[in-house]
Amino acid sequence: MKKTTLINPALSEAIASLGHMDRLVIADAGLPIPPETRRIDLALTKGIPTFADTLRVVLSEMHVESAMIAEEMLTVSPHVYELLRTALRDIPIETMPHTAFKEQTRSARAVVRTGEYTPYANVILVSGVWGFGS
């Protein structure tokens, strides 16, 4: 049996297959997922799993170079932005309108759907390279 934190096989495989600059989206329950983008659906019911729990586990396994969020998060769900700032530390976070954010999900390797119901609790994580950068 696997010894690290992440035990979901689909999510573990998706993270293991990421190359430099590949993108992984952690999404709330309502984010539309483009049909051509791989969906890893973790949602069980409202709030399970949470965006925060999913982010914590993904960050334990993934080297992140940068992140992208919808600018609406800053005003509608500022506590989610603060959670991201804390979790990502010095990793740069780019903001864009939600419509542009949704378009960016098309180029993601996968979208991880959580049970989160908080508006705009979505982030695109850009994969980095171990040993380079932060």
N, C-alpha and C. Protein backbone atom coordinates (compact mmCIF):
# COMPACT_ATOMS: atom_id res chain seq x y z
N MET A 1 0.84 -1.18 0.00
CA MET A 1 0.00 0.00 0.00
C MET A 1 0.89 1.25 0.00
N LYS A 2 0.41 2.28 -0.65
CA LYS A 2 1.12 3.55 -0.76
C LYS A 2 1.36 4.17 0.61
N LYS A 3 2.52 4.77 0.80
CA LYS A 3 2.90 5.31 2.09
C LYS A 3 2.67 6.81 2.21
N THR A 4 2.56 7.52 1.11
CA THR A 4 2.39 8.97 1.17
C THR A 4 0.94 9.34 1.44
N THR A 5 0.68 10.63 1.61
CA THR A 5 -0.62 11.15 2.01
C THR A 5 -1.74 10.80 1.03
N LEU A 6 -1.51 10.99 -0.25
CA LEU A 6 -2.55 10.85 -1.26
C LEU A 6 -2.78 9.38 -1.60
N ILE A 7 -4.02 8.91 -1.40
CA ILE A 7 -4.33 7.51 -1.71
C ILE A 7 -5.33 7.35 -2.86
N ASN A 8 -5.91 8.45 -3.36
CA ASN A 8 -6.83 8.35 -4.48
C ASN A 8 -6.03 8.00 -5.73
N PRO A 9 -6.30 6.85 -6.36
CA PRO A 9 -5.45 6.42 -7.48
C PRO A 9 -5.51 7.35 -8.70
N ALA A 10 -6.68 7.86 -9.03
CA ALA A 10 -6.78 8.74 -10.22
C ALA A 10 -6.02 10.04 -10.00
N LEU A 11 -6.16 10.63 -8.82
CA LEU A 11 -5.47 11.89 -8.53
C LEU A 11 -3.97 11.67 -8.39
N SER A 12 -3.58 10.59 -7.78
CA SER A 12 -2.16 10.27 -7.63
C SER A 12 -1.51 10.10 -9.01
N GLU A 13 -2.18 9.38 -9.90
CA GLU A 13 -1.66 9.17 -11.25
C GLU A 13 -1.59 10.49 -12.02
N ALA A 14 -2.61 11.33 -11.87
CA ALA A 14 -2.61 12.62 -12.58
C ALA A 14 -1.43 13.48 -12.14
N ILE A 15 -1.18 13.56 -10.85
CA ILE A 15 -0.06 14.36 -10.34
C ILE A 15 1.27 13.77 -10.79
N ALA A 16 1.38 12.45 -10.72
CA ALA A 16 2.63 11.79 -11.12
C ALA A 16 2.94 12.01 -12.59
N SER A 17 1.92 12.22 -13.42
CA SER A 17 2.14 12.36 -14.85
C SER A 17 2.39 13.81 -15.29
N LEU A 18 2.29 14.77 -14.37
CA LEU A 18 2.48 16.18 -14.74
C LEU A 18 3.92 16.47 -15.14
N GLY A 19 4.07 17.25 -16.18
CA GLY A 19 5.37 17.77 -16.58
C GLY A 19 5.43 19.26 -16.25
N HIS A 20 6.58 19.85 -16.51
CA HIS A 20 6.76 21.27 -16.24
C HIS A 20 5.74 22.09 -17.01
N MET A 21 5.06 22.98 -16.31
CA MET A 21 4.06 23.90 -16.84
C MET A 21 2.69 23.26 -17.09
N ASP A 22 2.54 21.95 -16.84
CA ASP A 22 1.22 21.35 -16.92
C ASP A 22 0.34 21.92 -15.81
N ARG A 23 -0.96 21.87 -16.02
CA ARG A 23 -1.90 22.48 -15.08
C ARG A 23 -2.85 21.46 -14.49
N LEU A 24 -3.12 21.65 -13.20
CA LEU A 24 -4.10 20.85 -12.48
C LEU A 24 -5.05 21.82 -11.80
N VAL A 25 -6.34 21.63 -11.98
CA VAL A 25 -7.34 22.51 -11.39
C VAL A 25 -7.96 21.83 -10.17
N ILE A 26 -8.07 22.56 -9.08
CA ILE A 26 -8.88 22.13 -7.94
C ILE A 26 -10.11 23.02 -7.97
N ALA A 27 -11.28 22.39 -8.07
CA ALA A 27 -12.52 23.13 -8.34
C ALA A 27 -13.58 22.91 -7.27
N ASP A 28 -14.42 23.93 -7.12
CA ASP A 28 -15.60 23.77 -6.29
C ASP A 28 -16.61 22.89 -7.03
N ALA A 29 -17.71 22.57 -6.38
CA ALA A 29 -18.69 21.65 -6.96
C ALA A 29 -19.40 22.22 -8.18
N GLY A 30 -19.38 23.54 -8.35
CA GLY A 30 -20.15 24.15 -9.43
C GLY A 30 -19.38 24.57 -10.66
N LEU A 31 -18.05 24.49 -10.64
CA LEU A 31 -17.28 24.94 -11.80
C LEU A 31 -17.59 24.06 -13.01
N PRO A 32 -17.98 24.65 -14.14
CA PRO A 32 -18.21 23.82 -15.33
C PRO A 32 -16.88 23.24 -15.81
N ILE A 33 -16.89 21.96 -16.09
CA ILE A 33 -15.68 21.28 -16.55
C ILE A 33 -15.84 20.99 -18.03
N PRO A 34 -14.91 21.50 -18.85
CA PRO A 34 -15.02 21.27 -20.29
C PRO A 34 -15.05 19.75 -20.58
N PRO A 35 -15.86 19.33 -21.53
CA PRO A 35 -15.99 17.90 -21.82
C PRO A 35 -14.67 17.25 -22.24
N GLU A 36 -13.77 18.03 -22.83
CA GLU A 36 -12.50 17.46 -23.30
C GLU A 36 -11.45 17.36 -22.19
N THR A 37 -11.73 17.92 -21.02
CA THR A 37 -10.76 17.92 -19.92
C THR A 37 -11.07 16.78 -18.97
N ARG A 38 -10.04 16.07 -18.55
CA ARG A 38 -10.22 14.95 -17.62
C ARG A 38 -10.84 15.44 -16.32
N ARG A 39 -11.83 14.73 -15.84
CA ARG A 39 -12.52 15.05 -14.58
C ARG A 39 -12.14 13.97 -13.55
N ILE A 40 -11.64 14.44 -12.40
CA ILE A 40 -11.42 13.56 -11.25
C ILE A 40 -12.41 14.03 -10.20
N ASP A 41 -13.50 13.31 -10.06
CA ASP A 41 -14.61 13.76 -9.22
C ASP A 41 -14.50 13.16 -7.83
N LEU A 42 -14.13 13.99 -6.86
CA LEU A 42 -14.02 13.57 -5.47
C LEU A 42 -15.27 13.91 -4.66
N ALA A 43 -16.17 14.74 -5.24
CA ALA A 43 -17.33 15.24 -4.51
C ALA A 43 -18.23 14.10 -4.04
N LEU A 44 -18.55 14.13 -2.74
CA LEU A 44 -19.47 13.14 -2.17
C LEU A 44 -20.80 13.79 -1.81
N THR A 45 -20.73 14.94 -1.17
CA THR A 45 -21.90 15.71 -0.77
C THR A 45 -21.42 17.13 -0.47
N LYS A 46 -22.33 18.03 -0.14
CA LYS A 46 -21.95 19.41 0.13
C LYS A 46 -20.86 19.46 1.20
N GLY A 47 -19.73 20.04 0.81
CA GLY A 47 -18.63 20.24 1.75
C GLY A 47 -17.68 19.06 1.93
N ILE A 48 -17.90 17.97 1.25
CA ILE A 48 -17.02 16.80 1.41
C ILE A 48 -16.57 16.31 0.04
N PRO A 49 -15.26 16.33 -0.24
CA PRO A 49 -14.22 16.96 0.56
C PRO A 49 -14.21 18.47 0.34
N THR A 50 -13.60 19.18 1.26
CA THR A 50 -13.51 20.62 1.14
C THR A 50 -12.40 21.00 0.15
N PHE A 51 -12.49 22.22 -0.33
CA PHE A 51 -11.43 22.79 -1.16
C PHE A 51 -10.11 22.78 -0.39
N ALA A 52 -10.16 23.22 0.89
CA ALA A 52 -8.95 23.34 1.71
C ALA A 52 -8.28 21.98 1.91
N ASP A 53 -9.06 20.95 2.23
CA ASP A 53 -8.48 19.62 2.44
C ASP A 53 -7.86 19.09 1.15
N THR A 54 -8.55 19.28 0.04
CA THR A 54 -8.04 18.79 -1.24
C THR A 54 -6.76 19.53 -1.61
N LEU A 55 -6.74 20.84 -1.43
CA LEU A 55 -5.55 21.63 -1.71
C LEU A 55 -4.37 21.15 -0.87
N ARG A 56 -4.60 20.95 0.42
CA ARG A 56 -3.53 20.51 1.33
C ARG A 56 -2.92 19.20 0.85
N VAL A 57 -3.75 18.24 0.48
CA VAL A 57 -3.24 16.93 0.05
C VAL A 57 -2.52 17.05 -1.29
N VAL A 58 -3.09 17.80 -2.23
CA VAL A 58 -2.44 17.97 -3.53
C VAL A 58 -1.08 18.63 -3.36
N LEU A 59 -1.00 19.66 -2.52
CA LEU A 59 0.28 20.35 -2.32
C LEU A 59 1.32 19.47 -1.64
N SER A 60 0.88 18.45 -0.93
CA SER A 60 1.84 17.52 -0.31
C SER A 60 2.51 16.64 -1.35
N GLU A 61 1.93 16.57 -2.56
CA GLU A 61 2.44 15.68 -3.61
C GLU A 61 2.95 16.41 -4.85
N MET A 62 2.55 17.67 -5.03
CA MET A 62 2.83 18.38 -6.28
C MET A 62 3.75 19.57 -6.06
N HIS A 63 4.74 19.69 -6.93
CA HIS A 63 5.60 20.88 -6.92
C HIS A 63 4.91 21.94 -7.78
N VAL A 64 4.54 23.06 -7.16
CA VAL A 64 3.78 24.11 -7.84
C VAL A 64 4.69 25.31 -8.09
N GLU A 65 4.67 25.78 -9.34
CA GLU A 65 5.48 26.92 -9.75
C GLU A 65 4.69 28.23 -9.66
N SER A 66 3.40 28.15 -10.00
CA SER A 66 2.54 29.33 -9.95
C SER A 66 1.09 28.85 -9.88
N ALA A 67 0.19 29.82 -9.68
CA ALA A 67 -1.22 29.48 -9.59
C ALA A 67 -2.04 30.58 -10.25
N MET A 68 -3.28 30.24 -10.62
CA MET A 68 -4.21 31.19 -11.22
C MET A 68 -5.56 31.06 -10.53
N ILE A 69 -6.20 32.22 -10.32
CA ILE A 69 -7.53 32.25 -9.73
C ILE A 69 -8.40 33.28 -10.45
N ALA A 70 -9.70 33.19 -10.23
CA ALA A 70 -10.61 34.22 -10.73
C ALA A 70 -10.51 35.43 -9.81
N GLU A 71 -10.44 36.62 -10.38
CA GLU A 71 -10.33 37.83 -9.57
C GLU A 71 -11.54 38.02 -8.67
N GLU A 72 -12.67 37.44 -9.01
CA GLU A 72 -13.88 37.55 -8.20
C GLU A 72 -13.69 36.92 -6.82
N MET A 73 -12.76 35.98 -6.70
CA MET A 73 -12.48 35.36 -5.41
C MET A 73 -12.07 36.41 -4.37
N LEU A 74 -11.35 37.42 -4.80
CA LEU A 74 -10.82 38.43 -3.88
C LEU A 74 -11.92 39.18 -3.13
N THR A 75 -13.05 39.41 -3.80
CA THR A 75 -14.13 40.15 -3.16
C THR A 75 -15.26 39.25 -2.65
N VAL A 76 -15.55 38.17 -3.35
CA VAL A 76 -16.67 37.31 -2.98
C VAL A 76 -16.27 36.30 -1.90
N SER A 77 -15.07 35.75 -2.01
CA SER A 77 -14.61 34.73 -1.05
C SER A 77 -13.18 35.03 -0.60
N PRO A 78 -12.96 36.18 0.05
CA PRO A 78 -11.59 36.56 0.43
C PRO A 78 -10.93 35.56 1.37
N HIS A 79 -11.71 34.83 2.17
CA HIS A 79 -11.13 33.83 3.07
C HIS A 79 -10.48 32.69 2.28
N VAL A 80 -11.01 32.38 1.10
CA VAL A 80 -10.39 31.35 0.25
C VAL A 80 -9.08 31.87 -0.30
N TYR A 81 -9.05 33.14 -0.67
CA TYR A 81 -7.80 33.73 -1.15
C TYR A 81 -6.74 33.71 -0.05
N GLU A 82 -7.12 34.04 1.17
CA GLU A 82 -6.16 34.01 2.29
C GLU A 82 -5.66 32.59 2.54
N LEU A 83 -6.54 31.62 2.42
CA LEU A 83 -6.14 30.21 2.55
C LEU A 83 -5.10 29.86 1.49
N LEU A 84 -5.35 30.27 0.26
CA LEU A 84 -4.39 30.02 -0.82
C LEU A 84 -3.06 30.72 -0.57
N ARG A 85 -3.12 32.00 -0.17
CA ARG A 85 -1.88 32.75 0.10
C ARG A 85 -1.05 32.02 1.16
N THR A 86 -1.70 31.56 2.20
CA THR A 86 -0.99 30.85 3.27
C THR A 86 -0.42 29.52 2.76
N ALA A 87 -1.23 28.76 2.05
CA ALA A 87 -0.81 27.44 1.58
C ALA A 87 0.29 27.53 0.53
N LEU A 88 0.21 28.53 -0.34
CA LEU A 88 1.17 28.65 -1.44
C LEU A 88 2.41 29.48 -1.08
N ARG A 89 2.36 30.15 0.06
CA ARG A 89 3.47 30.97 0.56
C ARG A 89 3.94 31.97 -0.48
N ASP A 90 5.14 31.80 -1.02
CA ASP A 90 5.73 32.76 -1.96
C ASP A 90 5.44 32.45 -3.42
N ILE A 91 4.63 31.46 -3.68
CA ILE A 91 4.31 31.09 -5.06
C ILE A 91 3.40 32.17 -5.65
N PRO A 92 3.73 32.70 -6.83
CA PRO A 92 2.91 33.77 -7.41
C PRO A 92 1.51 33.27 -7.79
N ILE A 93 0.52 34.15 -7.57
CA ILE A 93 -0.87 33.86 -7.92
C ILE A 93 -1.33 34.93 -8.91
N GLU A 94 -1.70 34.50 -10.10
CA GLU A 94 -2.22 35.39 -11.13
C GLU A 94 -3.74 35.45 -11.02
N THR A 95 -4.31 36.63 -11.19
CA THR A 95 -5.76 36.76 -11.19
C THR A 95 -6.25 37.12 -12.59
N MET A 96 -7.47 36.69 -12.88
CA MET A 96 -8.11 36.97 -14.18
C MET A 96 -9.61 36.91 -13.98
N PRO A 97 -10.38 37.50 -14.89
CA PRO A 97 -11.84 37.38 -14.78
C PRO A 97 -12.26 35.91 -14.81
N HIS A 98 -13.37 35.61 -14.14
CA HIS A 98 -13.85 34.23 -14.05
C HIS A 98 -14.08 33.60 -15.43
N THR A 99 -14.54 34.39 -16.38
CA THR A 99 -14.75 33.85 -17.73
C THR A 99 -13.43 33.39 -18.34
N ALA A 100 -12.36 34.15 -18.13
CA ALA A 100 -11.04 33.76 -18.62
C ALA A 100 -10.52 32.54 -17.86
N PHE A 101 -10.78 32.50 -16.54
CA PHE A 101 -10.37 31.36 -15.73
C PHE A 101 -11.00 30.08 -16.28
N LYS A 102 -12.31 30.12 -16.54
CA LYS A 102 -13.00 28.94 -17.07
C LYS A 102 -12.39 28.50 -18.40
N GLU A 103 -12.02 29.45 -19.24
CA GLU A 103 -11.38 29.11 -20.52
C GLU A 103 -10.03 28.44 -20.29
N GLN A 104 -9.28 28.90 -19.28
CA GLN A 104 -7.97 28.31 -18.97
C GLN A 104 -8.08 26.85 -18.53
N THR A 105 -9.23 26.47 -17.96
CA THR A 105 -9.37 25.07 -17.51
C THR A 105 -9.34 24.10 -18.69
N ARG A 106 -9.61 24.57 -19.89
CA ARG A 106 -9.59 23.70 -21.08
C ARG A 106 -8.21 23.10 -21.31
N SER A 107 -7.16 23.82 -20.93
CA SER A 107 -5.80 23.34 -21.17
C SER A 107 -5.21 22.58 -19.98
N ALA A 108 -6.03 22.36 -18.95
CA ALA A 108 -5.55 21.61 -17.78
C ALA A 108 -5.45 20.12 -18.10
N ARG A 109 -4.51 19.46 -17.45
CA ARG A 109 -4.41 18.00 -17.58
C ARG A 109 -5.60 17.33 -16.90
N ALA A 110 -6.11 17.95 -15.83
CA ALA A 110 -7.27 17.40 -15.12
C ALA A 110 -7.91 18.48 -14.26
N VAL A 111 -9.20 18.31 -14.00
CA VAL A 111 -9.93 19.14 -13.05
C VAL A 111 -10.38 18.21 -11.92
N VAL A 112 -10.01 18.58 -10.71
CA VAL A 112 -10.37 17.81 -9.52
C VAL A 112 -11.58 18.51 -8.90
N ARG A 113 -12.73 17.85 -8.95
CA ARG A 113 -13.97 18.42 -8.42
C ARG A 113 -14.14 18.02 -6.97
N THR A 114 -14.30 19.03 -6.12
CA THR A 114 -14.51 18.80 -4.68
C THR A 114 -15.98 18.98 -4.35
N GLY A 115 -16.33 18.82 -3.09
CA GLY A 115 -17.69 19.07 -2.62
C GLY A 115 -17.87 20.49 -2.11
N GLU A 116 -16.91 21.36 -2.40
CA GLU A 116 -16.94 22.74 -1.91
C GLU A 116 -18.06 23.54 -2.56
N TYR A 117 -18.83 24.26 -1.74
CA TYR A 117 -19.90 25.11 -2.24
C TYR A 117 -19.58 26.60 -2.15
N THR A 118 -18.41 26.97 -1.68
CA THR A 118 -18.01 28.37 -1.59
C THR A 118 -17.77 28.92 -2.99
N PRO A 119 -18.41 30.05 -3.34
CA PRO A 119 -18.22 30.60 -4.68
C PRO A 119 -16.76 30.94 -4.97
N TYR A 120 -16.34 30.62 -6.18
CA TYR A 120 -15.00 30.93 -6.70
C TYR A 120 -13.88 30.20 -5.96
N ALA A 121 -14.18 29.09 -5.30
CA ALA A 121 -13.15 28.29 -4.63
C ALA A 121 -12.53 27.35 -5.67
N ASN A 122 -11.77 27.95 -6.57
CA ASN A 122 -11.13 27.24 -7.68
C ASN A 122 -9.71 27.78 -7.85
N VAL A 123 -8.80 26.89 -8.18
CA VAL A 123 -7.43 27.33 -8.45
C VAL A 123 -6.83 26.44 -9.54
N ILE A 124 -6.07 27.07 -10.41
CA ILE A 124 -5.26 26.34 -11.38
C ILE A 124 -3.84 26.33 -10.84
N LEU A 125 -3.31 25.14 -10.62
CA LEU A 125 -1.93 24.99 -10.14
C LEU A 125 -1.06 24.63 -11.32
N VAL A 126 0.03 25.36 -11.50
CA VAL A 126 0.96 25.14 -12.60
C VAL A 126 2.15 24.37 -12.06
N SER A 127 2.40 23.23 -12.67
CA SER A 127 3.45 22.33 -12.21
C SER A 127 4.85 22.91 -12.43
N GLY A 128 5.68 22.78 -11.42
CA GLY A 128 7.06 23.21 -11.50
C GLY A 128 7.97 22.01 -11.69
N VAL A 129 9.26 22.26 -11.57
CA VAL A 129 10.27 21.22 -11.73
C VAL A 129 11.02 21.09 -10.41
N TRP A 130 11.14 19.88 -9.89
CA TRP A 130 11.89 19.67 -8.66
C TRP A 130 13.33 20.14 -8.82
N GLY A 131 13.83 20.86 -7.84
CA GLY A 131 15.20 21.31 -7.86
C GLY A 131 15.41 22.66 -8.56
N PHE A 132 14.35 23.20 -9.18
CA PHE A 132 14.45 24.49 -9.85
C PHE A 132 13.39 25.41 -9.27
N GLY A 133 13.75 26.65 -9.03
CA GLY A 133 12.78 27.62 -8.53
C GLY A 133 12.32 27.30 -7.12
N SER A 134 11.12 27.78 -6.77
CA SER A 134 10.64 27.59 -5.40
C SER A 134 9.98 26.24 -5.21
